């Protein structure tokens, strides 16, 4: 079975940086997009950043200019570089890989905690 394994979360002070990684245990076929979601306590999960199979990217307004999503196809890995972190960025971050064409299937990482606090 294909699994997504996340790493890179942790505790950082405001203004600091973290780099999240999400590696697939095996090669995924027919990938539509890869992305990162986050969920804070008591709130719904929201899309943070996404990258299409063609390389185009989308970001939530709250993270534009601070976060960068990228991928390395040869390593089956997607990254999220997070700079100028704010306390409001505190959440559990989940990576997502979407496959399929007319019927989509989503693969999810296990989640990694990011805490921004002094």
N, C-alpha and C. Protein backbone atom coordinates (compact mmCIF):
# COMPACT_ATOMS: atom_id res chain seq x y z
N UNK A 1 0.84 -1.19 0.00
CA UNK A 1 0.00 0.00 0.00
C UNK A 1 0.88 1.25 0.00
N UNK A 2 0.42 2.27 -0.68
CA UNK A 2 1.13 3.54 -0.72
C UNK A 2 0.81 4.32 0.55
N UNK A 3 1.84 4.85 1.17
CA UNK A 3 1.67 5.68 2.36
C UNK A 3 2.48 6.97 2.20
N UNK A 4 1.96 8.04 2.79
CA UNK A 4 2.65 9.31 2.81
C UNK A 4 3.19 9.55 4.21
N UNK A 5 4.48 9.79 4.30
CA UNK A 5 5.14 9.98 5.58
C UNK A 5 5.64 11.41 5.68
N UNK A 6 5.17 12.12 6.71
CA UNK A 6 5.53 13.51 6.90
C UNK A 6 6.64 13.65 7.93
N UNK A 7 7.40 14.72 7.79
CA UNK A 7 8.45 15.05 8.74
C UNK A 7 8.72 16.54 8.69
N UNK A 8 9.40 17.05 9.70
CA UNK A 8 9.83 18.44 9.71
C UNK A 8 9.08 19.36 10.65
N UNK A 9 8.01 18.88 11.27
CA UNK A 9 7.27 19.71 12.20
C UNK A 9 8.02 19.91 13.50
N UNK A 10 7.51 20.83 14.32
CA UNK A 10 8.14 21.09 15.59
C UNK A 10 7.73 22.42 16.17
N UNK A 11 8.49 22.85 17.16
CA UNK A 11 8.25 24.12 17.85
C UNK A 11 9.23 25.17 17.35
N UNK A 12 8.71 26.33 16.99
CA UNK A 12 9.53 27.42 16.49
C UNK A 12 8.97 28.74 17.00
N UNK A 13 9.85 29.72 17.21
CA UNK A 13 9.39 31.01 17.68
C UNK A 13 8.88 31.86 16.52
N UNK A 14 8.05 32.86 16.80
CA UNK A 14 7.55 33.72 15.74
C UNK A 14 8.69 34.32 14.92
N UNK A 15 8.50 34.33 13.60
CA UNK A 15 9.52 34.81 12.69
C UNK A 15 10.47 33.74 12.20
N UNK A 16 10.40 32.57 12.79
CA UNK A 16 11.27 31.48 12.41
C UNK A 16 10.79 30.74 11.18
N UNK A 17 11.51 29.68 10.83
CA UNK A 17 11.21 28.91 9.63
C UNK A 17 11.21 27.42 9.92
N UNK A 18 10.42 26.70 9.15
CA UNK A 18 10.38 25.25 9.16
C UNK A 18 10.20 24.76 7.74
N UNK A 19 10.68 23.55 7.49
CA UNK A 19 10.51 22.92 6.19
C UNK A 19 9.89 21.55 6.39
N UNK A 20 8.68 21.38 5.89
CA UNK A 20 7.98 20.11 5.99
C UNK A 20 8.23 19.27 4.75
N UNK A 21 8.33 17.97 4.94
CA UNK A 21 8.51 17.04 3.84
C UNK A 21 7.43 15.97 3.90
N UNK A 22 7.05 15.49 2.74
CA UNK A 22 6.06 14.43 2.63
C UNK A 22 6.51 13.48 1.53
N UNK A 23 6.91 12.29 1.93
CA UNK A 23 7.46 11.31 0.99
C UNK A 23 6.51 10.13 0.83
N UNK A 24 6.28 9.73 -0.40
CA UNK A 24 5.47 8.56 -0.69
C UNK A 24 6.31 7.30 -0.60
N UNK A 25 5.71 6.25 -0.04
CA UNK A 25 6.43 4.99 0.11
C UNK A 25 6.66 4.30 -1.22
N UNK A 26 5.87 4.65 -2.22
CA UNK A 26 6.00 4.10 -3.54
C UNK A 26 5.57 5.12 -4.58
N UNK A 27 5.84 4.79 -5.83
CA UNK A 27 5.49 5.71 -6.90
C UNK A 27 3.98 5.75 -7.11
N UNK A 28 3.44 6.95 -7.17
CA UNK A 28 2.02 7.16 -7.43
C UNK A 28 1.82 7.53 -8.89
N UNK A 29 0.82 6.91 -9.50
CA UNK A 29 0.50 7.17 -10.90
C UNK A 29 -0.71 8.09 -11.01
N UNK A 30 -0.77 8.81 -12.11
CA UNK A 30 -1.90 9.68 -12.43
C UNK A 30 -2.17 10.69 -11.31
N UNK A 31 -1.15 11.42 -10.92
CA UNK A 31 -1.27 12.43 -9.88
C UNK A 31 -1.83 13.71 -10.49
N UNK A 32 -2.91 14.22 -9.91
CA UNK A 32 -3.50 15.48 -10.33
C UNK A 32 -2.85 16.67 -9.64
N UNK A 33 -2.65 16.52 -8.34
CA UNK A 33 -2.09 17.62 -7.57
C UNK A 33 -1.58 17.11 -6.23
N UNK A 34 -0.70 17.88 -5.64
CA UNK A 34 -0.21 17.63 -4.31
C UNK A 34 -0.41 18.89 -3.49
N UNK A 35 -0.66 18.72 -2.21
CA UNK A 35 -0.91 19.91 -1.41
C UNK A 35 -0.70 19.69 0.07
N UNK A 36 -0.83 20.79 0.78
CA UNK A 36 -0.73 20.80 2.23
C UNK A 36 -1.98 21.44 2.82
N UNK A 37 -2.55 20.78 3.81
CA UNK A 37 -3.67 21.29 4.58
C UNK A 37 -3.23 21.47 6.03
N UNK A 38 -3.99 22.26 6.76
CA UNK A 38 -3.72 22.39 8.18
C UNK A 38 -5.03 22.50 8.94
N UNK A 39 -5.00 22.08 10.19
CA UNK A 39 -6.17 22.13 11.04
C UNK A 39 -5.76 22.55 12.44
N UNK A 40 -6.30 23.68 12.88
CA UNK A 40 -6.07 24.17 14.22
C UNK A 40 -7.18 23.65 15.13
N UNK A 41 -6.94 23.60 16.44
CA UNK A 41 -7.97 23.11 17.37
C UNK A 41 -9.27 23.87 17.24
N UNK A 42 -10.37 23.14 17.12
CA UNK A 42 -11.68 23.75 17.02
C UNK A 42 -12.02 24.35 15.68
N UNK A 43 -11.15 24.18 14.69
CA UNK A 43 -11.39 24.75 13.37
C UNK A 43 -11.38 23.66 12.30
N UNK A 44 -11.96 23.99 11.15
CA UNK A 44 -11.99 23.06 10.03
C UNK A 44 -10.64 23.01 9.33
N UNK A 45 -10.39 21.89 8.68
CA UNK A 45 -9.17 21.75 7.90
C UNK A 45 -9.23 22.67 6.69
N UNK A 46 -8.14 23.37 6.42
CA UNK A 46 -8.09 24.31 5.31
C UNK A 46 -6.89 24.04 4.42
N UNK A 47 -7.06 24.35 3.15
CA UNK A 47 -5.97 24.21 2.19
C UNK A 47 -4.97 25.33 2.39
N UNK A 48 -3.71 24.98 2.49
CA UNK A 48 -2.64 25.94 2.66
C UNK A 48 -1.94 26.22 1.34
N UNK A 49 -1.56 25.17 0.64
CA UNK A 49 -0.83 25.32 -0.61
C UNK A 49 -1.03 24.07 -1.45
N UNK A 50 -0.98 24.23 -2.76
CA UNK A 50 -1.13 23.11 -3.67
C UNK A 50 -0.26 23.33 -4.90
N UNK A 51 0.15 22.22 -5.49
CA UNK A 51 0.92 22.27 -6.73
C UNK A 51 0.35 21.23 -7.67
N UNK A 52 0.10 21.61 -8.91
CA UNK A 52 -0.50 20.73 -9.89
C UNK A 52 0.55 19.83 -10.53
N UNK A 53 0.06 18.86 -11.31
CA UNK A 53 1.00 17.98 -12.01
C UNK A 53 1.83 18.73 -13.03
N UNK A 54 1.35 19.90 -13.46
CA UNK A 54 2.09 20.73 -14.38
C UNK A 54 3.03 21.72 -13.71
N UNK A 55 2.97 21.80 -12.39
CA UNK A 55 3.88 22.66 -11.66
C UNK A 55 3.31 23.99 -11.20
N UNK A 56 2.07 24.30 -11.57
CA UNK A 56 1.48 25.55 -11.11
C UNK A 56 1.10 25.44 -9.64
N UNK A 57 1.14 26.57 -8.93
CA UNK A 57 0.92 26.57 -7.49
C UNK A 57 -0.22 27.50 -7.10
N UNK A 58 -0.83 27.20 -5.97
CA UNK A 58 -1.85 28.04 -5.36
C UNK A 58 -1.60 28.09 -3.86
N UNK A 59 -1.88 29.25 -3.27
CA UNK A 59 -1.66 29.44 -1.84
C UNK A 59 -2.86 30.13 -1.21
N UNK A 60 -3.10 29.79 0.04
CA UNK A 60 -4.07 30.55 0.81
C UNK A 60 -3.56 31.97 1.00
N UNK A 61 -4.47 32.93 1.02
CA UNK A 61 -4.07 34.33 1.17
C UNK A 61 -3.26 34.57 2.43
N UNK A 62 -3.55 33.82 3.47
CA UNK A 62 -2.89 34.03 4.74
C UNK A 62 -1.41 33.64 4.74
N UNK A 63 -0.98 32.86 3.74
CA UNK A 63 0.41 32.39 3.71
C UNK A 63 1.17 32.87 2.49
N UNK A 64 0.52 33.58 1.59
CA UNK A 64 1.19 34.07 0.39
C UNK A 64 2.38 34.96 0.75
N UNK A 65 3.48 34.71 0.08
CA UNK A 65 4.69 35.46 0.34
C UNK A 65 5.54 34.90 1.46
N UNK A 66 4.99 33.96 2.22
CA UNK A 66 5.72 33.37 3.34
C UNK A 66 6.00 31.88 3.14
N UNK A 67 5.06 31.17 2.52
CA UNK A 67 5.19 29.73 2.32
C UNK A 67 5.47 29.43 0.85
N UNK A 68 6.21 28.36 0.61
CA UNK A 68 6.50 27.92 -0.74
C UNK A 68 6.37 26.40 -0.82
N UNK A 69 5.56 25.94 -1.77
CA UNK A 69 5.41 24.51 -1.99
C UNK A 69 6.27 24.11 -3.19
N UNK A 70 6.89 22.96 -3.10
CA UNK A 70 7.72 22.45 -4.18
C UNK A 70 7.69 20.93 -4.16
N UNK A 71 8.22 20.34 -5.19
CA UNK A 71 8.22 18.89 -5.29
C UNK A 71 9.49 18.38 -5.94
N UNK A 72 9.80 17.14 -5.66
CA UNK A 72 10.90 16.44 -6.30
C UNK A 72 10.34 15.11 -6.78
N UNK A 73 10.02 15.04 -8.06
CA UNK A 73 9.37 13.85 -8.59
C UNK A 73 10.25 12.61 -8.51
N UNK A 74 11.55 12.80 -8.64
CA UNK A 74 12.45 11.65 -8.59
C UNK A 74 12.49 11.03 -7.21
N UNK A 75 12.16 11.80 -6.18
CA UNK A 75 12.16 11.30 -4.81
C UNK A 75 10.75 11.08 -4.27
N UNK A 76 9.73 11.30 -5.11
CA UNK A 76 8.34 11.16 -4.69
C UNK A 76 8.07 11.95 -3.42
N UNK A 77 8.52 13.19 -3.41
CA UNK A 77 8.44 14.01 -2.21
C UNK A 77 7.92 15.40 -2.54
N UNK A 78 7.07 15.92 -1.66
CA UNK A 78 6.60 17.29 -1.75
C UNK A 78 7.02 18.02 -0.48
N UNK A 79 7.37 19.30 -0.63
CA UNK A 79 7.88 20.09 0.48
C UNK A 79 7.02 21.32 0.71
N UNK A 80 7.07 21.81 1.93
CA UNK A 80 6.47 23.09 2.26
C UNK A 80 7.47 23.89 3.08
N UNK A 81 8.05 24.91 2.46
CA UNK A 81 8.96 25.81 3.15
C UNK A 81 8.15 26.92 3.78
N UNK A 82 8.26 27.07 5.09
CA UNK A 82 7.48 28.04 5.84
C UNK A 82 8.42 29.05 6.48
N UNK A 83 8.31 30.30 6.07
CA UNK A 83 9.12 31.37 6.59
C UNK A 83 8.25 32.40 7.30
N UNK A 84 8.88 33.23 8.11
CA UNK A 84 8.17 34.29 8.84
C UNK A 84 6.94 33.75 9.54
N UNK A 85 7.12 32.68 10.26
CA UNK A 85 5.99 32.01 10.90
C UNK A 85 5.35 32.87 11.98
N UNK A 86 4.03 32.74 12.08
CA UNK A 86 3.23 33.48 13.04
C UNK A 86 2.53 32.51 13.97
N UNK A 87 2.14 32.96 15.16
CA UNK A 87 1.37 32.09 16.05
C UNK A 87 0.11 31.54 15.40
N UNK A 88 -0.48 32.29 14.49
CA UNK A 88 -1.68 31.85 13.79
C UNK A 88 -1.43 30.67 12.87
N UNK A 89 -0.18 30.37 12.59
CA UNK A 89 0.16 29.21 11.76
C UNK A 89 0.16 27.91 12.55
N UNK A 90 0.01 27.99 13.85
CA UNK A 90 0.00 26.80 14.69
C UNK A 90 -1.15 25.89 14.31
N UNK A 91 -0.83 24.64 13.97
CA UNK A 91 -1.83 23.68 13.54
C UNK A 91 -1.15 22.34 13.27
N UNK A 92 -1.97 21.34 13.04
CA UNK A 92 -1.48 20.08 12.51
C UNK A 92 -1.52 20.17 10.99
N UNK A 93 -0.40 19.89 10.36
CA UNK A 93 -0.29 20.00 8.92
C UNK A 93 -0.34 18.61 8.28
N UNK A 94 -1.16 18.48 7.25
CA UNK A 94 -1.35 17.22 6.55
C UNK A 94 -1.00 17.40 5.08
N UNK A 95 -0.21 16.49 4.54
CA UNK A 95 0.03 16.51 3.11
C UNK A 95 -1.03 15.67 2.41
N UNK A 96 -1.29 16.01 1.17
CA UNK A 96 -2.33 15.35 0.38
C UNK A 96 -1.85 15.17 -1.05
N UNK A 97 -2.07 13.96 -1.56
CA UNK A 97 -1.81 13.66 -2.97
C UNK A 97 -3.12 13.21 -3.58
N UNK A 98 -3.55 13.87 -4.64
CA UNK A 98 -4.78 13.52 -5.32
C UNK A 98 -4.48 12.82 -6.63
N UNK A 99 -5.09 11.65 -6.81
CA UNK A 99 -4.91 10.88 -8.03
C UNK A 99 -6.25 10.62 -8.69
N UNK A 100 -6.20 10.18 -9.93
CA UNK A 100 -7.41 9.88 -10.67
C UNK A 100 -7.71 10.92 -11.72
N UNK A 101 -8.79 10.69 -12.44
CA UNK A 101 -9.20 11.59 -13.49
C UNK A 101 -10.63 12.08 -13.26
N UNK A 102 -11.63 11.23 -13.53
CA UNK A 102 -13.02 11.58 -13.27
C UNK A 102 -13.44 11.20 -11.86
N UNK A 103 -12.79 10.21 -11.31
CA UNK A 103 -13.01 9.81 -9.93
C UNK A 103 -11.69 9.96 -9.19
N UNK A 104 -11.68 10.80 -8.17
CA UNK A 104 -10.44 11.12 -7.48
C UNK A 104 -10.26 10.27 -6.23
N UNK A 105 -9.01 10.02 -5.91
CA UNK A 105 -8.66 9.34 -4.68
C UNK A 105 -7.58 10.15 -3.98
N UNK A 106 -7.80 10.40 -2.72
CA UNK A 106 -6.88 11.22 -1.94
C UNK A 106 -6.05 10.38 -0.99
N UNK A 107 -4.75 10.59 -1.04
CA UNK A 107 -3.83 10.00 -0.08
C UNK A 107 -3.45 11.08 0.92
N UNK A 108 -3.43 10.72 2.20
CA UNK A 108 -3.16 11.67 3.27
C UNK A 108 -1.98 11.22 4.11
N UNK A 109 -1.18 12.20 4.52
CA UNK A 109 -0.14 11.93 5.48
C UNK A 109 -0.71 11.81 6.88
N UNK A 110 0.13 11.40 7.82
CA UNK A 110 -0.34 11.18 9.18
C UNK A 110 -0.53 12.46 9.98
N UNK A 111 -0.02 13.56 9.48
CA UNK A 111 -0.10 14.84 10.16
C UNK A 111 1.14 15.11 10.99
N UNK A 112 1.58 16.35 10.99
CA UNK A 112 2.72 16.76 11.80
C UNK A 112 2.40 18.08 12.47
N UNK A 113 2.71 18.17 13.76
CA UNK A 113 2.37 19.35 14.55
C UNK A 113 3.37 20.47 14.31
N UNK A 114 2.86 21.66 14.03
CA UNK A 114 3.66 22.87 13.94
C UNK A 114 3.16 23.84 14.99
N UNK A 115 4.03 24.23 15.89
CA UNK A 115 3.68 25.16 16.96
C UNK A 115 4.58 26.37 16.89
N UNK A 116 3.98 27.55 16.79
CA UNK A 116 4.71 28.81 16.72
C UNK A 116 4.42 29.58 18.00
N UNK A 117 5.42 29.69 18.85
CA UNK A 117 5.23 30.33 20.14
C UNK A 117 6.56 30.80 20.70
N UNK A 118 6.51 31.91 21.46
CA UNK A 118 7.71 32.43 22.10
C UNK A 118 7.98 31.71 23.40
